[in-house]
């Protein structure tokens, strides 16, 4: 959610700082998300962790190519916005997947 307003400002320094913060937050939050997924239903901890990894890999596989394609054919701003949308979608999908269990 922070990447979207940063991209709209058009300030390269702010975009870089926000992207770095996003990367650091992702690196520190991901283990916590895995732990939370395992605690939802302890008897199905492996399945929950596999779901989290599937959603994460889906974002990793589809986000950058879609962003690069969009940046090449329209602009880098649209590419970054698309990347923010893909990660937001993955977050909501993960939330739904954990509620279904």
N, C-alpha and C. Protein backbone atom coordinates (compact mmCIF):
# COMPACT_ATOMS: atom_id res chain seq x y z
N UNK A 1 0.83 -1.20 0.00
CA UNK A 1 0.00 0.00 0.00
C UNK A 1 0.87 1.26 0.00
N UNK A 2 2.05 1.19 0.53
CA UNK A 2 2.92 2.34 0.55
C UNK A 2 3.60 2.59 -0.78
N UNK A 3 3.72 1.54 -1.57
CA UNK A 3 4.38 1.66 -2.87
C UNK A 3 3.53 2.48 -3.84
N UNK A 4 2.23 2.35 -3.76
CA UNK A 4 1.32 3.05 -4.66
C UNK A 4 1.45 4.57 -4.55
N UNK A 5 1.34 5.18 -3.35
CA UNK A 5 1.49 6.64 -3.26
C UNK A 5 2.90 7.11 -3.63
N UNK A 6 3.91 6.30 -3.32
CA UNK A 6 5.28 6.68 -3.65
C UNK A 6 5.47 6.76 -5.15
N UNK A 7 4.89 5.83 -5.88
CA UNK A 7 5.00 5.83 -7.34
C UNK A 7 4.27 7.04 -7.92
N UNK A 8 3.15 7.38 -7.34
CA UNK A 8 2.37 8.51 -7.86
C UNK A 8 3.09 9.84 -7.67
N UNK A 9 3.97 9.94 -6.67
CA UNK A 9 4.69 11.20 -6.48
C UNK A 9 5.69 11.45 -7.60
N UNK A 10 6.24 10.37 -8.16
CA UNK A 10 7.21 10.51 -9.24
C UNK A 10 8.60 10.89 -8.77
N UNK A 11 8.84 10.88 -7.47
CA UNK A 11 10.15 11.21 -6.92
C UNK A 11 10.99 9.94 -6.85
N UNK A 12 12.08 9.87 -7.61
CA UNK A 12 12.88 8.63 -7.62
C UNK A 12 13.42 8.23 -6.25
N UNK A 13 13.85 9.20 -5.45
CA UNK A 13 14.38 8.89 -4.13
C UNK A 13 13.32 8.24 -3.25
N UNK A 14 12.11 8.77 -3.28
CA UNK A 14 11.02 8.22 -2.47
C UNK A 14 10.63 6.84 -2.96
N UNK A 15 10.62 6.64 -4.25
CA UNK A 15 10.28 5.32 -4.80
C UNK A 15 11.33 4.29 -4.39
N UNK A 16 12.60 4.65 -4.45
CA UNK A 16 13.68 3.73 -4.07
C UNK A 16 13.60 3.41 -2.58
N UNK A 17 13.41 4.43 -1.74
CA UNK A 17 13.32 4.20 -0.30
C UNK A 17 12.13 3.33 0.05
N UNK A 18 11.00 3.56 -0.61
CA UNK A 18 9.80 2.77 -0.35
C UNK A 18 10.01 1.33 -0.81
N UNK A 19 10.67 1.14 -1.95
CA UNK A 19 10.95 -0.21 -2.43
C UNK A 19 11.89 -0.95 -1.49
N UNK A 20 12.90 -0.25 -0.98
CA UNK A 20 13.82 -0.87 -0.02
C UNK A 20 13.09 -1.25 1.27
N UNK A 21 12.24 -0.36 1.73
CA UNK A 21 11.44 -0.67 2.93
C UNK A 21 10.54 -1.87 2.68
N UNK A 22 9.93 -1.92 1.49
CA UNK A 22 9.07 -3.05 1.13
C UNK A 22 9.87 -4.35 1.16
N UNK A 23 11.08 -4.33 0.61
CA UNK A 23 11.92 -5.53 0.61
C UNK A 23 12.32 -5.96 2.01
N UNK A 24 12.72 -5.01 2.84
CA UNK A 24 13.10 -5.34 4.21
C UNK A 24 11.90 -5.84 5.02
N UNK A 25 10.76 -5.19 4.84
CA UNK A 25 9.56 -5.63 5.55
C UNK A 25 9.15 -7.03 5.10
N UNK A 26 9.26 -7.30 3.82
CA UNK A 26 8.92 -8.63 3.30
C UNK A 26 9.85 -9.69 3.91
N UNK A 27 11.12 -9.37 3.99
CA UNK A 27 12.09 -10.33 4.53
C UNK A 27 11.84 -10.62 6.01
N UNK A 28 11.34 -9.64 6.75
CA UNK A 28 11.11 -9.85 8.18
C UNK A 28 9.71 -10.35 8.47
N UNK A 29 8.77 -10.06 7.61
CA UNK A 29 7.38 -10.45 7.85
C UNK A 29 7.12 -11.89 7.40
N UNK A 30 7.80 -12.35 6.36
CA UNK A 30 7.51 -13.66 5.80
C UNK A 30 7.64 -14.80 6.83
N UNK A 31 8.71 -14.84 7.64
CA UNK A 31 8.75 -15.90 8.67
C UNK A 31 7.61 -15.80 9.67
N UNK A 32 7.19 -14.59 9.99
CA UNK A 32 6.06 -14.42 10.91
C UNK A 32 4.76 -14.93 10.29
N UNK A 33 4.61 -14.70 8.98
CA UNK A 33 3.42 -15.19 8.28
C UNK A 33 3.41 -16.71 8.26
N UNK A 34 4.55 -17.32 8.03
CA UNK A 34 4.63 -18.79 8.05
C UNK A 34 4.28 -19.34 9.43
N UNK A 35 4.77 -18.70 10.47
CA UNK A 35 4.43 -19.15 11.83
C UNK A 35 2.95 -19.01 12.10
N UNK A 36 2.36 -17.89 11.67
CA UNK A 36 0.92 -17.69 11.86
C UNK A 36 0.11 -18.70 11.07
N UNK A 37 0.57 -19.02 9.87
CA UNK A 37 -0.13 -20.01 9.05
C UNK A 37 -0.10 -21.38 9.73
N UNK A 38 1.01 -21.70 10.37
CA UNK A 38 1.12 -22.99 11.05
C UNK A 38 0.25 -23.03 12.30
N UNK A 39 -0.01 -21.88 12.91
CA UNK A 39 -0.80 -21.85 14.14
C UNK A 39 -2.30 -21.83 13.90
N UNK A 40 -2.73 -21.57 12.65
CA UNK A 40 -4.17 -21.53 12.37
C UNK A 40 -4.80 -22.87 12.68
N UNK A 41 -4.24 -23.93 12.13
CA UNK A 41 -4.65 -25.30 12.44
C UNK A 41 -3.38 -26.13 12.60
N UNK A 42 -2.95 -26.35 13.83
CA UNK A 42 -1.68 -27.05 14.03
C UNK A 42 -1.61 -28.43 13.39
N UNK A 43 -2.74 -29.12 13.27
CA UNK A 43 -2.71 -30.45 12.67
C UNK A 43 -2.52 -30.40 11.15
N UNK A 44 -2.74 -29.23 10.53
CA UNK A 44 -2.52 -29.06 9.09
C UNK A 44 -1.49 -27.96 8.82
N UNK A 45 -0.50 -27.88 9.67
CA UNK A 45 0.50 -26.81 9.55
C UNK A 45 1.24 -26.89 8.22
N UNK A 46 1.59 -28.09 7.78
CA UNK A 46 2.31 -28.24 6.51
C UNK A 46 1.52 -27.75 5.32
N UNK A 47 0.21 -28.03 5.32
CA UNK A 47 -0.65 -27.59 4.22
C UNK A 47 -0.76 -26.07 4.23
N UNK A 48 -0.92 -25.48 5.39
CA UNK A 48 -1.03 -24.03 5.48
C UNK A 48 0.25 -23.34 5.01
N UNK A 49 1.39 -23.87 5.42
CA UNK A 49 2.67 -23.29 4.99
C UNK A 49 2.85 -23.45 3.49
N UNK A 50 2.42 -24.58 2.95
CA UNK A 50 2.50 -24.78 1.49
C UNK A 50 1.62 -23.78 0.76
N UNK A 51 0.44 -23.47 1.31
CA UNK A 51 -0.43 -22.46 0.70
C UNK A 51 0.24 -21.09 0.69
N UNK A 52 0.87 -20.73 1.79
CA UNK A 52 1.55 -19.44 1.86
C UNK A 52 2.68 -19.38 0.83
N UNK A 53 3.44 -20.45 0.73
CA UNK A 53 4.54 -20.49 -0.25
C UNK A 53 4.02 -20.44 -1.68
N UNK A 54 2.90 -21.09 -1.94
CA UNK A 54 2.31 -21.07 -3.28
C UNK A 54 1.90 -19.67 -3.69
N UNK A 55 1.25 -18.96 -2.79
CA UNK A 55 0.83 -17.59 -3.09
C UNK A 55 2.05 -16.69 -3.27
N UNK A 56 3.07 -16.88 -2.43
CA UNK A 56 4.29 -16.08 -2.56
C UNK A 56 5.01 -16.33 -3.87
N UNK A 57 5.11 -17.59 -4.27
CA UNK A 57 5.76 -17.90 -5.54
C UNK A 57 4.93 -17.41 -6.73
N UNK A 58 3.60 -17.43 -6.57
CA UNK A 58 2.75 -16.89 -7.63
C UNK A 58 3.03 -15.41 -7.86
N UNK A 59 3.19 -14.68 -6.77
CA UNK A 59 3.53 -13.26 -6.90
C UNK A 59 4.91 -13.06 -7.50
N UNK A 60 5.84 -13.94 -7.12
CA UNK A 60 7.20 -13.83 -7.64
C UNK A 60 7.26 -14.17 -9.12
N UNK A 61 6.47 -15.14 -9.54
CA UNK A 61 6.49 -15.57 -10.94
C UNK A 61 5.74 -14.62 -11.87
N UNK A 62 4.61 -14.10 -11.42
CA UNK A 62 3.77 -13.30 -12.31
C UNK A 62 3.97 -11.79 -12.16
N UNK A 63 4.37 -11.32 -10.98
CA UNK A 63 4.51 -9.89 -10.76
C UNK A 63 5.57 -9.21 -11.61
N UNK A 64 6.83 -9.63 -11.54
CA UNK A 64 7.87 -8.95 -12.32
C UNK A 64 7.69 -9.03 -13.83
N UNK A 65 7.30 -10.18 -14.41
CA UNK A 65 7.08 -10.17 -15.86
C UNK A 65 5.94 -9.25 -16.28
N UNK A 66 4.86 -9.24 -15.52
CA UNK A 66 3.76 -8.33 -15.86
C UNK A 66 4.18 -6.88 -15.71
N UNK A 67 4.92 -6.59 -14.64
CA UNK A 67 5.40 -5.23 -14.46
C UNK A 67 6.36 -4.81 -15.56
N UNK A 68 7.27 -5.69 -15.94
CA UNK A 68 8.23 -5.38 -17.01
C UNK A 68 7.55 -5.20 -18.35
N UNK A 69 6.58 -6.05 -18.65
CA UNK A 69 5.84 -5.93 -19.91
C UNK A 69 5.08 -4.61 -19.96
N UNK A 70 4.43 -4.28 -18.83
CA UNK A 70 3.68 -3.02 -18.78
C UNK A 70 4.63 -1.83 -18.88
N UNK A 71 5.77 -1.89 -18.21
CA UNK A 71 6.73 -0.78 -18.27
C UNK A 71 7.28 -0.60 -19.67
N UNK A 72 7.49 -1.72 -20.37
CA UNK A 72 8.03 -1.63 -21.73
C UNK A 72 7.02 -1.03 -22.70
N UNK A 73 5.76 -1.35 -22.52
CA UNK A 73 4.75 -0.92 -23.48
C UNK A 73 4.00 0.34 -23.08
N UNK A 74 4.07 0.75 -21.83
CA UNK A 74 3.41 2.01 -21.46
C UNK A 74 4.39 2.92 -20.71
N UNK A 75 4.62 2.66 -19.44
CA UNK A 75 5.58 3.47 -18.68
C UNK A 75 5.99 2.71 -17.42
N UNK A 76 7.08 3.15 -16.82
CA UNK A 76 7.56 2.52 -15.59
C UNK A 76 6.58 2.77 -14.45
N UNK A 77 5.88 3.90 -14.47
CA UNK A 77 4.90 4.18 -13.43
C UNK A 77 3.78 3.16 -13.47
N UNK A 78 3.29 2.86 -14.66
CA UNK A 78 2.24 1.86 -14.77
C UNK A 78 2.75 0.47 -14.36
N UNK A 79 4.00 0.18 -14.68
CA UNK A 79 4.59 -1.09 -14.26
C UNK A 79 4.66 -1.23 -12.76
N UNK A 80 5.08 -0.18 -12.06
CA UNK A 80 5.16 -0.21 -10.61
C UNK A 80 3.77 -0.28 -9.98
N UNK A 81 2.82 0.41 -10.57
CA UNK A 81 1.45 0.33 -10.07
C UNK A 81 0.90 -1.09 -10.22
N UNK A 82 1.19 -1.72 -11.35
CA UNK A 82 0.74 -3.08 -11.55
C UNK A 82 1.38 -4.03 -10.54
N UNK A 83 2.64 -3.82 -10.24
CA UNK A 83 3.33 -4.64 -9.24
C UNK A 83 2.68 -4.48 -7.87
N UNK A 84 2.32 -3.26 -7.51
CA UNK A 84 1.64 -3.03 -6.24
C UNK A 84 0.28 -3.73 -6.22
N UNK A 85 -0.43 -3.71 -7.33
CA UNK A 85 -1.73 -4.38 -7.41
C UNK A 85 -1.57 -5.89 -7.28
N UNK A 86 -0.55 -6.46 -7.91
CA UNK A 86 -0.32 -7.91 -7.84
C UNK A 86 -0.02 -8.33 -6.41
N UNK A 87 0.81 -7.59 -5.70
CA UNK A 87 1.13 -7.95 -4.32
C UNK A 87 -0.07 -7.77 -3.40
N UNK A 88 -0.88 -6.75 -3.65
CA UNK A 88 -2.10 -6.57 -2.86
C UNK A 88 -3.05 -7.73 -3.08
N UNK A 89 -3.19 -8.15 -4.35
CA UNK A 89 -4.06 -9.28 -4.67
C UNK A 89 -3.56 -10.54 -3.98
N UNK A 90 -2.25 -10.76 -3.97
CA UNK A 90 -1.71 -11.93 -3.30
C UNK A 90 -1.97 -11.90 -1.80
N UNK A 91 -1.91 -10.74 -1.21
CA UNK A 91 -2.20 -10.62 0.22
C UNK A 91 -3.64 -10.98 0.54
N UNK A 92 -4.57 -10.48 -0.28
CA UNK A 92 -5.98 -10.81 -0.06
C UNK A 92 -6.25 -12.28 -0.33
N UNK A 93 -5.59 -12.85 -1.34
CA UNK A 93 -5.75 -14.26 -1.64
C UNK A 93 -5.25 -15.12 -0.49
N UNK A 94 -4.12 -14.76 0.08
CA UNK A 94 -3.59 -15.48 1.23
C UNK A 94 -4.56 -15.42 2.40
N UNK A 95 -5.11 -14.25 2.62
CA UNK A 95 -6.06 -14.10 3.73
C UNK A 95 -7.28 -14.99 3.53
N UNK A 96 -7.80 -15.04 2.30
CA UNK A 96 -8.93 -15.91 2.01
C UNK A 96 -8.57 -17.38 2.17
N UNK A 97 -7.37 -17.77 1.71
CA UNK A 97 -6.96 -19.16 1.81
C UNK A 97 -6.85 -19.61 3.27
N UNK A 98 -6.36 -18.73 4.12
CA UNK A 98 -6.23 -19.09 5.53
C UNK A 98 -7.58 -19.13 6.23
N UNK A 99 -8.55 -18.38 5.76
CA UNK A 99 -9.88 -18.41 6.36
C UNK A 99 -10.65 -19.67 5.95
N UNK A 100 -10.35 -20.21 4.77
CA UNK A 100 -11.06 -21.40 4.30
C UNK A 100 -10.72 -22.63 5.12
N UNK A 101 -9.59 -22.64 5.74
CA UNK A 101 -9.14 -23.83 6.46
C UNK A 101 -9.87 -24.00 7.77
